């Protein structure tokens, strides 16, 4: 576990990698049409223990700077460039606001498309005649 330490006149503040990963994971949930990419086993564990905000987020933290790799799934039909840019903005804003770290880069990797939302079935002519 890596930590970022800031020294103040009254002591030290240490921020672990997991805290930054969790902030990024929670920010990703704010973007409509995006889900963090996890394995099936991770998804089942997450539903049981209500954790896993950091799944799909890898960070590289230096002195006061952080770079992130975020692996996501997008819902079918969303504009990938638009949701990726929105995701980058929200993650950057949340991390910089909450930790005073400087976010250098946020690389977004679209690992797949989520087809779980089924399109609405339209009534056929035969269905309406019955």
C-alpha atoms as a PDB file:
ATOM      1  CA  UNK A   1       0.000   0.000   0.000  1.00  0.00           C
ATOM      2  CA  UNK A   2       1.502   3.285  -1.112  1.00  0.00           C
ATOM      3  CA  UNK A   3       0.717   6.521   0.651  1.00  0.00           C
ATOM      4  CA  UNK A   4       1.016  10.198  -0.110  1.00  0.00           C
ATOM      5  CA  UNK A   5       2.137  12.250   2.887  1.00  0.00           C
ATOM      6  CA  UNK A   6       1.570  15.972   3.333  1.00  0.00           C
ATOM      7  CA  UNK A   7       3.161  17.712   6.278  1.00  0.00           C
ATOM      8  CA  UNK A   8       1.365  20.564   7.981  1.00  0.00           C
ATOM      9  CA  UNK A   9       2.382  22.686  10.954  1.00  0.00           C
ATOM     10  CA  UNK A  10       0.337  20.439  13.254  1.00  0.00           C
ATOM     11  CA  UNK A  11       1.338  17.039  11.839  1.00  0.00           C
ATOM     12  CA  UNK A  12       1.161  14.784   8.803  1.00  0.00           C
ATOM     13  CA  UNK A  13      -1.718  13.752   6.554  1.00  0.00           C
ATOM     14  CA  UNK A  14      -1.308  10.419   4.748  1.00  0.00           C
ATOM     15  CA  UNK A  15      -3.535   9.459   1.814  1.00  0.00           C
ATOM     16  CA  UNK A  16      -3.355   5.844   0.669  1.00  0.00           C
ATOM     17  CA  UNK A  17      -3.696   4.631  -2.911  1.00  0.00           C
ATOM     18  CA  UNK A  18      -6.939   2.899  -1.977  1.00  0.00           C
ATOM     19  CA  UNK A  19      -8.531   6.201  -0.936  1.00  0.00           C
ATOM     20  CA  UNK A  20      -7.724   7.775  -4.319  1.00  0.00           C
ATOM     21  CA  UNK A  21      -8.979   4.645  -6.102  1.00  0.00           C
ATOM     22  CA  UNK A  22     -12.228   4.777  -4.128  1.00  0.00           C
ATOM     23  CA  UNK A  23     -12.753   8.456  -4.943  1.00  0.00           C
ATOM     24  CA  UNK A  24     -12.246   7.694  -8.644  1.00  0.00           C
ATOM     25  CA  UNK A  25     -14.567   4.680  -8.483  1.00  0.00           C
ATOM     26  CA  UNK A  26     -17.331   6.638  -6.794  1.00  0.00           C
ATOM     27  CA  UNK A  27     -16.922   9.454  -9.332  1.00  0.00           C
ATOM     28  CA  UNK A  28     -17.338   6.916 -12.149  1.00  0.00           C
ATOM     29  CA  UNK A  29     -20.738   5.973 -10.741  1.00  0.00           C
ATOM     30  CA  UNK A  30     -21.875   9.575 -11.269  1.00  0.00           C
ATOM     31  CA  UNK A  31     -21.535   9.260 -15.049  1.00  0.00           C
ATOM     32  CA  UNK A  32     -24.649   7.870 -16.717  1.00  0.00           C
ATOM     33  CA  UNK A  33     -23.938   5.012 -19.104  1.00  0.00           C
ATOM     34  CA  UNK A  34     -20.620   3.988 -17.480  1.00  0.00           C
ATOM     35  CA  UNK A  35     -19.690   1.110 -15.173  1.00  0.00           C
ATOM     36  CA  UNK A  36     -16.273   0.152 -13.877  1.00  0.00           C
ATOM     37  CA  UNK A  37     -14.958  -3.004 -15.515  1.00  0.00           C
ATOM     38  CA  UNK A  38     -14.715  -5.899 -13.042  1.00  0.00           C
ATOM     39  CA  UNK A  39     -14.557  -9.632 -13.329  1.00  0.00           C
ATOM     40  CA  UNK A  40     -17.722 -11.667 -12.749  1.00  0.00           C
ATOM     41  CA  UNK A  41     -16.377 -12.923  -9.412  1.00  0.00           C
ATOM     42  CA  UNK A  42     -15.574  -9.360  -8.306  1.00  0.00           C
ATOM     43  CA  UNK A  43     -19.097  -8.295  -9.253  1.00  0.00           C
ATOM     44  CA  UNK A  44     -20.645 -11.016  -7.101  1.00  0.00           C
ATOM     45  CA  UNK A  45     -18.437 -10.163  -4.126  1.00  0.00           C
ATOM     46  CA  UNK A  46     -19.199  -6.459  -4.591  1.00  0.00           C
ATOM     47  CA  UNK A  47     -22.951  -7.124  -4.414  1.00  0.00           C
ATOM     48  CA  UNK A  48     -22.534  -9.125  -1.225  1.00  0.00           C
ATOM     49  CA  UNK A  49     -20.156  -6.862   0.725  1.00  0.00           C
ATOM     50  CA  UNK A  50     -20.996  -3.505  -0.898  1.00  0.00           C
ATOM     51  CA  UNK A  51     -17.356  -2.718  -1.673  1.00  0.00           C
ATOM     52  CA  UNK A  52     -15.487  -2.506  -4.934  1.00  0.00           C
ATOM     53  CA  UNK A  53     -15.477   1.199  -5.668  1.00  0.00           C
ATOM     54  CA  UNK A  54     -11.818   0.867  -6.626  1.00  0.00           C
ATOM     55  CA  UNK A  55     -12.222  -2.069  -9.028  1.00  0.00           C
ATOM     56  CA  UNK A  56     -11.156  -1.108 -12.527  1.00  0.00           C
ATOM     57  CA  UNK A  57      -8.997   1.795 -11.306  1.00  0.00           C
ATOM     58  CA  UNK A  58      -5.201   1.631 -11.268  1.00  0.00           C
ATOM     59  CA  UNK A  59      -3.216   4.577  -9.961  1.00  0.00           C
ATOM     60  CA  UNK A  60       0.386   5.719  -9.958  1.00  0.00           C
ATOM     61  CA  UNK A  61       1.036   8.212  -7.179  1.00  0.00           C
ATOM     62  CA  UNK A  62       4.128  10.398  -6.837  1.00  0.00           C
ATOM     63  CA  UNK A  63       4.902  13.216  -4.385  1.00  0.00           C
ATOM     64  CA  UNK A  64       1.785  15.394  -4.915  1.00  0.00           C
ATOM     65  CA  UNK A  65       0.721  14.014  -8.284  1.00  0.00           C
ATOM     66  CA  UNK A  66      -1.364  11.083  -9.444  1.00  0.00           C
ATOM     67  CA  UNK A  67      -2.031   9.378 -12.770  1.00  0.00           C
ATOM     68  CA  UNK A  68      -4.915   6.958 -13.266  1.00  0.00           C
ATOM     69  CA  UNK A  69      -5.917   4.161 -15.608  1.00  0.00           C
ATOM     70  CA  UNK A  70      -9.675   3.622 -15.520  1.00  0.00           C
ATOM     71  CA  UNK A  71     -11.210   0.542 -17.140  1.00  0.00           C
ATOM     72  CA  UNK A  72     -14.903   0.912 -17.944  1.00  0.00           C
ATOM     73  CA  UNK A  73     -17.862  -0.669 -19.643  1.00  0.00           C
ATOM     74  CA  UNK A  74     -20.243   1.617 -21.519  1.00  0.00           C
ATOM     75  CA  UNK A  75     -23.930   1.106 -22.131  1.00  0.00           C
ATOM     76  CA  UNK A  76     -24.905   0.327 -25.696  1.00  0.00           C
ATOM     77  CA  UNK A  77     -25.827   3.505 -27.559  1.00  0.00           C
ATOM     78  CA  UNK A  78     -23.883   6.071 -25.518  1.00  0.00           C
ATOM     79  CA  UNK A  79     -21.320   8.344 -27.130  1.00  0.00           C
ATOM     80  CA  UNK A  80     -18.035   6.909 -25.915  1.00  0.00           C
ATOM     81  CA  UNK A  81     -15.994  10.096 -26.413  1.00  0.00           C
ATOM     82  CA  UNK A  82     -18.533  12.196 -24.521  1.00  0.00           C
ATOM     83  CA  UNK A  83     -18.891   9.894 -21.515  1.00  0.00           C
ATOM     84  CA  UNK A  84     -15.113   9.369 -21.372  1.00  0.00           C
ATOM     85  CA  UNK A  85     -14.496  13.120 -21.282  1.00  0.00           C
ATOM     86  CA  UNK A  86     -17.194  13.578 -18.625  1.00  0.00           C
ATOM     87  CA  UNK A  87     -15.671  10.742 -16.597  1.00  0.00           C
ATOM     88  CA  UNK A  88     -12.202  12.310 -16.788  1.00  0.00           C
ATOM     89  CA  UNK A  89     -13.557  15.699 -15.676  1.00  0.00           C
ATOM     90  CA  UNK A  90     -15.497  14.302 -12.705  1.00  0.00           C
ATOM     91  CA  UNK A  91     -12.639  12.092 -11.500  1.00  0.00           C
ATOM     92  CA  UNK A  92     -10.123  14.933 -11.772  1.00  0.00           C
ATOM     93  CA  UNK A  93     -12.385  17.397  -9.963  1.00  0.00           C
ATOM     94  CA  UNK A  94     -13.245  14.977  -7.142  1.00  0.00           C
ATOM     95  CA  UNK A  95      -9.663  13.855  -6.500  1.00  0.00           C
ATOM     96  CA  UNK A  96      -8.217  17.364  -6.615  1.00  0.00           C
ATOM     97  CA  UNK A  97     -10.982  18.772  -4.403  1.00  0.00           C
ATOM     98  CA  UNK A  98     -10.883  16.019  -1.799  1.00  0.00           C
ATOM     99  CA  UNK A  99      -7.116  15.359  -1.599  1.00  0.00           C
ATOM    100  CA  UNK A 100      -5.257  18.430  -2.932  1.00  0.00           C
ATOM    101  CA  UNK A 101      -3.326  16.064  -5.212  1.00  0.00           C
ATOM    102  CA  UNK A 102      -2.619  17.133  -8.783  1.00  0.00           C
ATOM    103  CA  UNK A 103      -4.099  14.777 -11.379  1.00  0.00           C
ATOM    104  CA  UNK A 104      -1.687  14.516 -14.311  1.00  0.00           C
ATOM    105  CA  UNK A 105      -3.462  12.039 -16.562  1.00  0.00           C
ATOM    106  CA  UNK A 106      -6.573   9.911 -16.593  1.00  0.00           C
ATOM    107  CA  UNK A 107      -6.400   7.209 -19.230  1.00  0.00           C
ATOM    108  CA  UNK A 108      -9.808   5.707 -19.972  1.00  0.00           C
ATOM    109  CA  UNK A 109      -9.924   2.181 -21.375  1.00  0.00           C
ATOM    110  CA  UNK A 110     -13.259   1.011 -22.744  1.00  0.00           C
ATOM    111  CA  UNK A 111     -13.124  -2.729 -22.117  1.00  0.00           C
ATOM    112  CA  UNK A 112     -16.599  -3.559 -23.369  1.00  0.00           C
ATOM    113  CA  UNK A 113     -20.183  -2.639 -24.042  1.00  0.00           C
ATOM    114  CA  UNK A 114     -22.983  -3.363 -21.598  1.00  0.00           C
ATOM    115  CA  UNK A 115     -25.970  -4.885 -23.392  1.00  0.00           C
ATOM    116  CA  UNK A 116     -27.917  -5.696 -20.224  1.00  0.00           C
ATOM    117  CA  UNK A 117     -30.617  -3.128 -20.939  1.00  0.00           C
ATOM    118  CA  UNK A 118     -32.947  -4.818 -23.355  1.00  0.00           C
ATOM    119  CA  UNK A 119     -34.722  -2.649 -25.918  1.00  0.00           C
ATOM    120  CA  UNK A 120     -38.459  -2.338 -25.399  1.00  0.00           C
ATOM    121  CA  UNK A 121     -40.442  -4.896 -27.377  1.00  0.00           C
ATOM    122  CA  UNK A 122     -42.799  -3.298 -29.846  1.00  0.00           C
ATOM    123  CA  UNK A 123     -46.234  -4.797 -30.286  1.00  0.00           C
ATOM    124  CA  UNK A 124     -46.643  -6.545 -33.586  1.00  0.00           C
ATOM    125  CA  UNK A 125     -49.817  -6.445 -35.661  1.00  0.00           C
ATOM    126  CA  UNK A 126     -50.685 -10.044 -34.702  1.00  0.00           C
ATOM    127  CA  UNK A 127     -50.382  -9.208 -30.958  1.00  0.00           C
ATOM    128  CA  UNK A 128     -52.841  -6.315 -31.256  1.00  0.00           C
ATOM    129  CA  UNK A 129     -55.430  -8.342 -33.179  1.00  0.00           C
ATOM    130  CA  UNK A 130     -55.782 -11.008 -30.454  1.00  0.00           C
END
